[in-house]
Amino acid sequence: MQSSDKFSIATPADWRPGDEVIVPAPGSCGAAKERMESKDEMHCYDWFFYTKKISKEDIKKELNTKG
């Protein structure tokens, strides 16, 4: 839950740090179009469903954990 809050993402069931996370849907048609045309690290399944990878190291760094 800390990762969800810190990175503004949702985590699938059985999620482990380093697995793909779910990015919230865009707030407008224009934002959806920008995302779909973007070359970001996001994987676009449809205009409303995106996933991306956040590395285990980035999560540890942001949450200041050792595990």
PDB file of N, CA and C in Angstrom:
ATOM      1  N   MET A   1       0.817  -1.184   0.000  1.00  0.00           N
ATOM      2  CA  MET A   1       0.000   0.000   0.000  1.00  0.00           C
ATOM      3  C   MET A   1       0.866   1.256   0.000  1.00  0.00           C
ATOM      4  N   GLN A   2       2.039   1.179   0.609  1.00  0.00           N
ATOM      5  CA  GLN A   2       2.932   2.340   0.603  1.00  0.00           C
ATOM      6  C   GLN A   2       3.374   2.653  -0.820  1.00  0.00           C
ATOM      7  N   SER A   3       3.657   1.611  -1.598  1.00  0.00           N
ATOM      8  CA  SER A   3       4.069   1.822  -2.990  1.00  0.00           C
ATOM      9  C   SER A   3       2.948   2.453  -3.795  1.00  0.00           C
ATOM     10  N   SER A   4       1.726   1.991  -3.590  1.00  0.00           N
ATOM     11  CA  SER A   4       0.577   2.552  -4.303  1.00  0.00           C
ATOM     12  C   SER A   4       0.432   4.037  -4.001  1.00  0.00           C
ATOM     13  N   ASP A   5       0.578   4.389  -2.746  1.00  0.00           N
ATOM     14  CA  ASP A   5       0.441   5.779  -2.333  1.00  0.00           C
ATOM     15  C   ASP A   5       1.598   6.628  -2.858  1.00  0.00           C
ATOM     16  N   LYS A   6       2.815   6.163  -2.720  1.00  0.00           N
ATOM     17  CA  LYS A   6       4.003   6.930  -3.101  1.00  0.00           C
ATOM     18  C   LYS A   6       4.090   7.163  -4.615  1.00  0.00           C
ATOM     19  N   PHE A   7       3.755   6.146  -5.405  1.00  0.00           N
ATOM     20  CA  PHE A   7       3.913   6.233  -6.859  1.00  0.00           C
ATOM     21  C   PHE A   7       2.608   6.511  -7.599  1.00  0.00           C
ATOM     22  N   SER A   8       1.503   6.663  -6.886  1.00  0.00           N
ATOM     23  CA  SER A   8       0.181   6.891  -7.497  1.00  0.00           C
ATOM     24  C   SER A   8      -0.139   5.824  -8.535  1.00  0.00           C
ATOM     25  N   ILE A   9      -0.065   4.579  -8.097  1.00  0.00           N
ATOM     26  CA  ILE A   9      -0.326   3.434  -8.969  1.00  0.00           C
ATOM     27  C   ILE A   9      -1.225   2.460  -8.223  1.00  0.00           C
ATOM     28  N   ALA A  10      -1.664   1.426  -8.924  1.00  0.00           N
ATOM     29  CA  ALA A  10      -2.386   0.320  -8.295  1.00  0.00           C
ATOM     30  C   ALA A  10      -1.559  -0.937  -8.499  1.00  0.00           C
ATOM     31  N   THR A  11      -1.652  -1.851  -7.563  1.00  0.00           N
ATOM     32  CA  THR A  11      -0.883  -3.086  -7.676  1.00  0.00           C
ATOM     33  C   THR A  11      -1.835  -4.265  -7.855  1.00  0.00           C
ATOM     34  N   PRO A  12      -1.519  -5.160  -8.789  1.00  0.00           N
ATOM     35  CA  PRO A  12      -2.354  -6.340  -8.997  1.00  0.00           C
ATOM     36  C   PRO A  12      -2.242  -7.306  -7.813  1.00  0.00           C
ATOM     37  N   ALA A  13      -3.142  -8.266  -7.759  1.00  0.00           N
ATOM     38  CA  ALA A  13      -3.078  -9.306  -6.732  1.00  0.00           C
ATOM     39  C   ALA A  13      -1.737 -10.029  -6.830  1.00  0.00           C
ATOM     40  N   ASP A  14      -1.176 -10.412  -5.706  1.00  0.00           N
ATOM     41  CA  ASP A  14       0.102 -11.126  -5.624  1.00  0.00           C
ATOM     42  C   ASP A  14       1.270 -10.327  -6.186  1.00  0.00           C
ATOM     43  N   TRP A  15       1.165  -9.011  -6.197  1.00  0.00           N
ATOM     44  CA  TRP A  15       2.227  -8.150  -6.718  1.00  0.00           C
ATOM     45  C   TRP A  15       3.457  -8.222  -5.832  1.00  0.00           C
ATOM     46  N   ARG A  16       4.614  -8.202  -6.455  1.00  0.00           N
ATOM     47  CA  ARG A  16       5.896  -8.152  -5.754  1.00  0.00           C
ATOM     48  C   ARG A  16       6.669  -6.963  -6.308  1.00  0.00           C
ATOM     49  N   PRO A  17       7.452  -6.271  -5.471  1.00  0.00           N
ATOM     50  CA  PRO A  17       8.268  -5.158  -5.979  1.00  0.00           C
ATOM     51  C   PRO A  17       9.100  -5.592  -7.185  1.00  0.00           C
ATOM     52  N   GLY A  18       9.030  -4.798  -8.232  1.00  0.00           N
ATOM     53  CA  GLY A  18       9.719  -5.108  -9.483  1.00  0.00           C
ATOM     54  C   GLY A  18       8.784  -5.607 -10.565  1.00  0.00           C
ATOM     55  N   ASP A  19       7.579  -6.092 -10.175  1.00  0.00           N
ATOM     56  CA  ASP A  19       6.575  -6.515 -11.152  1.00  0.00           C
ATOM     57  C   ASP A  19       5.907  -5.278 -11.751  1.00  0.00           C
ATOM     58  N   GLU A  20       5.167  -5.476 -12.839  1.00  0.00           N
ATOM     59  CA  GLU A  20       4.435  -4.367 -13.441  1.00  0.00           C
ATOM     60  C   GLU A  20       3.336  -3.886 -12.507  1.00  0.00           C
ATOM     61  N   VAL A  21       3.052  -2.593 -12.574  1.00  0.00           N
ATOM     62  CA  VAL A  21       1.983  -1.970 -11.798  1.00  0.00           C
ATOM     63  C   VAL A  21       0.967  -1.379 -12.752  1.00  0.00           C
ATOM     64  N   ILE A  22      -0.200  -1.062 -12.242  1.00  0.00           N
ATOM     65  CA  ILE A  22      -1.267  -0.488 -13.057  1.00  0.00           C
ATOM     66  C   ILE A  22      -1.275   1.025 -12.861  1.00  0.00           C
ATOM     67  N   VAL A  23      -1.273   1.745 -13.979  1.00  0.00           N
ATOM     68  CA  VAL A  23      -1.291   3.200 -13.956  1.00  0.00           C
ATOM     69  C   VAL A  23      -2.750   3.647 -14.045  1.00  0.00           C
ATOM     70  N   PRO A  24      -3.187   4.565 -13.186  1.00  0.00           N
ATOM     71  CA  PRO A  24      -4.586   5.021 -13.244  1.00  0.00           C
ATOM     72  C   PRO A  24      -4.953   5.568 -14.630  1.00  0.00           C
ATOM     73  N   ALA A  25      -6.223   5.447 -14.962  1.00  0.00           N
ATOM     74  CA  ALA A  25      -6.709   5.941 -16.257  1.00  0.00           C
ATOM     75  C   ALA A  25      -6.512   7.449 -16.353  1.00  0.00           C
ATOM     76  N   PRO A  26      -6.272   7.955 -17.567  1.00  0.00           N
ATOM     77  CA  PRO A  26      -6.125   9.395 -17.746  1.00  0.00           C
ATOM     78  C   PRO A  26      -7.437  10.119 -17.463  1.00  0.00           C
ATOM     79  N   GLY A  27      -7.316  11.386 -17.127  1.00  0.00           N
ATOM     80  CA  GLY A  27      -8.485  12.165 -16.742  1.00  0.00           C
ATOM     81  C   GLY A  27      -9.247  12.794 -17.884  1.00  0.00           C
ATOM     82  N   SER A  28      -8.697  12.759 -19.100  1.00  0.00           N
ATOM     83  CA  SER A  28      -9.392  13.374 -20.233  1.00  0.00           C
ATOM     84  C   SER A  28      -9.019  12.663 -21.527  1.00  0.00           C
ATOM     85  N   CYS A  29      -9.767  12.942 -22.571  1.00  0.00           N
ATOM     86  CA  CYS A  29      -9.478  12.354 -23.887  1.00  0.00           C
ATOM     87  C   CYS A  29      -8.118  12.823 -24.391  1.00  0.00           C
ATOM     88  N   GLY A  30      -7.795  14.092 -24.141  1.00  0.00           N
ATOM     89  CA  GLY A  30      -6.508  14.629 -24.572  1.00  0.00           C
ATOM     90  C   GLY A  30      -5.348  13.936 -23.873  1.00  0.00           C
ATOM     91  N   ALA A  31      -5.484  13.698 -22.586  1.00  0.00           N
ATOM     92  CA  ALA A  31      -4.437  13.011 -21.828  1.00  0.00           C
ATOM     93  C   ALA A  31      -4.294  11.563 -22.303  1.00  0.00           C
ATOM     94  N   ALA A  32      -5.418  10.924 -22.620  1.00  0.00           N
ATOM     95  CA  ALA A  32      -5.377   9.546 -23.127  1.00  0.00           C
ATOM     96  C   ALA A  32      -4.645   9.495 -24.464  1.00  0.00           C
ATOM     97  N   LYS A  33      -4.928  10.453 -25.341  1.00  0.00           N
ATOM     98  CA  LYS A  33      -4.273  10.491 -26.641  1.00  0.00           C
ATOM     99  C   LYS A  33      -2.766  10.702 -26.482  1.00  0.00           C
ATOM    100  N   GLU A  34      -2.378  11.609 -25.579  1.00  0.00           N
ATOM    101  CA  GLU A  34      -0.953  11.846 -25.326  1.00  0.00           C
ATOM    102  C   GLU A  34      -0.270  10.587 -24.824  1.00  0.00           C
ATOM    103  N   ARG A  35      -0.915   9.888 -23.915  1.00  0.00           N
ATOM    104  CA  ARG A  35      -0.327   8.646 -23.393  1.00  0.00           C
ATOM    105  C   ARG A  35      -0.161   7.601 -24.483  1.00  0.00           C
ATOM    106  N   MET A  36      -1.194   7.452 -25.320  1.00  0.00           N
ATOM    107  CA  MET A  36      -1.137   6.427 -26.362  1.00  0.00           C
ATOM    108  C   MET A  36      -0.057   6.728 -27.390  1.00  0.00           C
ATOM    109  N   GLU A  37       0.226   8.008 -27.622  1.00  0.00           N
ATOM    110  CA  GLU A  37       1.246   8.397 -28.595  1.00  0.00           C
ATOM    111  C   GLU A  37       2.633   8.507 -27.965  1.00  0.00           C
ATOM    112  N   SER A  38       2.685   8.467 -26.657  1.00  0.00           N
ATOM    113  CA  SER A  38       3.937   8.639 -25.923  1.00  0.00           C
ATOM    114  C   SER A  38       4.854   7.432 -26.098  1.00  0.00           C
ATOM    115  N   LYS A  39       6.128   7.687 -26.009  1.00  0.00           N
ATOM    116  CA  LYS A  39       7.129   6.623 -26.076  1.00  0.00           C
ATOM    117  C   LYS A  39       7.656   6.286 -24.684  1.00  0.00           C
ATOM    118  N   ASP A  40       6.857   6.611 -23.639  1.00  0.00           N
ATOM    119  CA  ASP A  40       7.237   6.303 -22.266  1.00  0.00           C
ATOM    120  C   ASP A  40       7.408   4.804 -22.069  1.00  0.00           C
ATOM    121  N   GLU A  41       7.775   4.447 -20.882  1.00  0.00           N
ATOM    122  CA  GLU A  41       7.981   3.056 -20.515  1.00  0.00           C
ATOM    123  C   GLU A  41       6.668   2.338 -20.210  1.00  0.00           C
ATOM    124  N   MET A  42       5.530   3.011 -20.450  1.00  0.00           N
ATOM    125  CA  MET A  42       4.237   2.382 -20.175  1.00  0.00           C
ATOM    126  C   MET A  42       3.842   1.446 -21.299  1.00  0.00           C
ATOM    127  N   HIS A  43       3.145   0.371 -20.920  1.00  0.00           N
ATOM    128  CA  HIS A  43       2.583  -0.540 -21.902  1.00  0.00           C
ATOM    129  C   HIS A  43       1.092  -0.246 -21.995  1.00  0.00           C
ATOM    130  N   CYS A  44       0.632   0.143 -23.171  1.00  0.00           N
ATOM    131  CA  CYS A  44      -0.751   0.552 -23.380  1.00  0.00           C
ATOM    132  C   CYS A  44      -1.558  -0.622 -23.946  1.00  0.00           C
ATOM    133  N   TYR A  45      -2.554  -1.075 -23.183  1.00  0.00           N
ATOM    134  CA  TYR A  45      -3.451  -2.128 -23.660  1.00  0.00           C
ATOM    135  C   TYR A  45      -4.663  -1.525 -24.362  1.00  0.00           C
ATOM    136  N   ASP A  46      -5.111  -0.401 -23.868  1.00  0.00           N
ATOM    137  CA  ASP A  46      -6.239   0.343 -24.422  1.00  0.00           C
ATOM    138  C   ASP A  46      -6.157   1.749 -23.851  1.00  0.00           C
ATOM    139  N   TRP A  47      -7.006   2.673 -24.279  1.00  0.00           N
ATOM    140  CA  TRP A  47      -6.896   4.074 -23.848  1.00  0.00           C
ATOM    141  C   TRP A  47      -7.021   4.242 -22.341  1.00  0.00           C
ATOM    142  N   PHE A  48      -7.631   3.279 -21.664  1.00  0.00           N
ATOM    143  CA  PHE A  48      -7.867   3.413 -20.227  1.00  0.00           C
ATOM    144  C   PHE A  48      -7.010   2.479 -19.378  1.00  0.00           C
ATOM    145  N   PHE A  49      -6.247   1.567 -19.999  1.00  0.00           N
ATOM    146  CA  PHE A  49      -5.511   0.564 -19.227  1.00  0.00           C
ATOM    147  C   PHE A  49      -4.034   0.555 -19.611  1.00  0.00           C
ATOM    148  N   TYR A  50      -3.210   0.971 -18.651  1.00  0.00           N
ATOM    149  CA  TYR A  50      -1.763   1.042 -18.849  1.00  0.00           C
ATOM    150  C   TYR A  50      -1.059   0.350 -17.698  1.00  0.00           C
ATOM    151  N   THR A  51       0.076  -0.245 -18.012  1.00  0.00           N
ATOM    152  CA  THR A  51       0.942  -0.786 -16.967  1.00  0.00           C
ATOM    153  C   THR A  51       2.349  -0.256 -17.202  1.00  0.00           C
ATOM    154  N   LYS A  52       3.148  -0.305 -16.159  1.00  0.00           N
ATOM    155  CA  LYS A  52       4.551   0.061 -16.293  1.00  0.00           C
ATOM    156  C   LYS A  52       5.337  -0.684 -15.235  1.00  0.00           C
ATOM    157  N   LYS A  53       6.628  -0.712 -15.417  1.00  0.00           N
ATOM    158  CA  LYS A  53       7.500  -1.363 -14.460  1.00  0.00           C
ATOM    159  C   LYS A  53       8.161  -0.306 -13.591  1.00  0.00           C
ATOM    160  N   ILE A  54       8.184  -0.557 -12.298  1.00  0.00           N
ATOM    161  CA  ILE A  54       8.959   0.250 -11.371  1.00  0.00           C
ATOM    162  C   ILE A  54       9.951  -0.712 -10.741  1.00  0.00           C
ATOM    163  N   SER A  55      11.220  -0.398 -10.873  1.00  0.00           N
ATOM    164  CA  SER A  55      12.235  -1.335 -10.394  1.00  0.00           C
ATOM    165  C   SER A  55      12.176  -1.507  -8.884  1.00  0.00           C
ATOM    166  N   LYS A  56      12.590  -2.664  -8.454  1.00  0.00           N
ATOM    167  CA  LYS A  56      12.638  -2.981  -7.030  1.00  0.00           C
ATOM    168  C   LYS A  56      13.527  -1.980  -6.293  1.00  0.00           C
ATOM    169  N   GLU A  57      14.617  -1.573  -6.938  1.00  0.00           N
ATOM    170  CA  GLU A  57      15.551  -0.626  -6.338  1.00  0.00           C
ATOM    171  C   GLU A  57      14.908   0.753  -6.152  1.00  0.00           C
ATOM    172  N   ASP A  58      14.133   1.198  -7.146  1.00  0.00           N
ATOM    173  CA  ASP A  58      13.444   2.490  -7.033  1.00  0.00           C
ATOM    174  C   ASP A  58      12.436   2.473  -5.888  1.00  0.00           C
ATOM    175  N   ILE A  59      11.743   1.365  -5.744  1.00  0.00           N
ATOM    176  CA  ILE A  59      10.767   1.252  -4.661  1.00  0.00           C
ATOM    177  C   ILE A  59      11.468   1.296  -3.309  1.00  0.00           C
ATOM    178  N   LYS A  60      12.547   0.538  -3.180  1.00  0.00           N
ATOM    179  CA  LYS A  60      13.301   0.530  -1.926  1.00  0.00           C
ATOM    180  C   LYS A  60      13.835   1.915  -1.598  1.00  0.00           C
ATOM    181  N   LYS A  61      14.365   2.601  -2.615  1.00  0.00           N
ATOM    182  CA  LYS A  61      14.924   3.924  -2.405  1.00  0.00           C
ATOM    183  C   LYS A  61      13.856   4.914  -1.933  1.00  0.00           C
ATOM    184  N   GLU A  62      12.713   4.907  -2.590  1.00  0.00           N
ATOM    185  CA  GLU A  62      11.647   5.853  -2.250  1.00  0.00           C
ATOM    186  C   GLU A  62      11.014   5.557  -0.895  1.00  0.00           C
ATOM    187  N   LEU A  63      10.964   4.286  -0.531  1.00  0.00           N
ATOM    188  CA  LEU A  63      10.329   3.916   0.726  1.00  0.00           C
ATOM    189  C   LEU A  63      11.340   3.711   1.853  1.00  0.00           C
ATOM    190  N   ASN A  64      12.633   3.876   1.528  1.00  0.00           N
ATOM    191  CA  ASN A  64      13.704   3.720   2.508  1.00  0.00           C
ATOM    192  C   ASN A  64      13.636   2.390   3.242  1.00  0.00           C
ATOM    193  N   THR A  65      13.504   1.307   2.468  1.00  0.00           N
ATOM    194  CA  THR A  65      13.464  -0.021   3.061  1.00  0.00           C
ATOM    195  C   THR A  65      14.720  -0.785   2.701  1.00  0.00           C
ATOM    196  N   LYS A  66      14.979  -1.829   3.440  1.00  0.00           N
ATOM    197  CA  LYS A  66      16.161  -2.659   3.211  1.00  0.00           C
ATOM    198  C   LYS A  66      15.808  -4.015   2.626  1.00  0.00           C
ATOM    199  N   GLY A  67      14.555  -4.458   2.744  1.00  0.00           N
ATOM    200  CA  GLY A  67      14.127  -5.794   2.315  1.00  0.00           C
ATOM    201  C   GLY A  67      14.147  -5.930   0.873  1.00  0.00           C
TER     202      GLY A  67
END
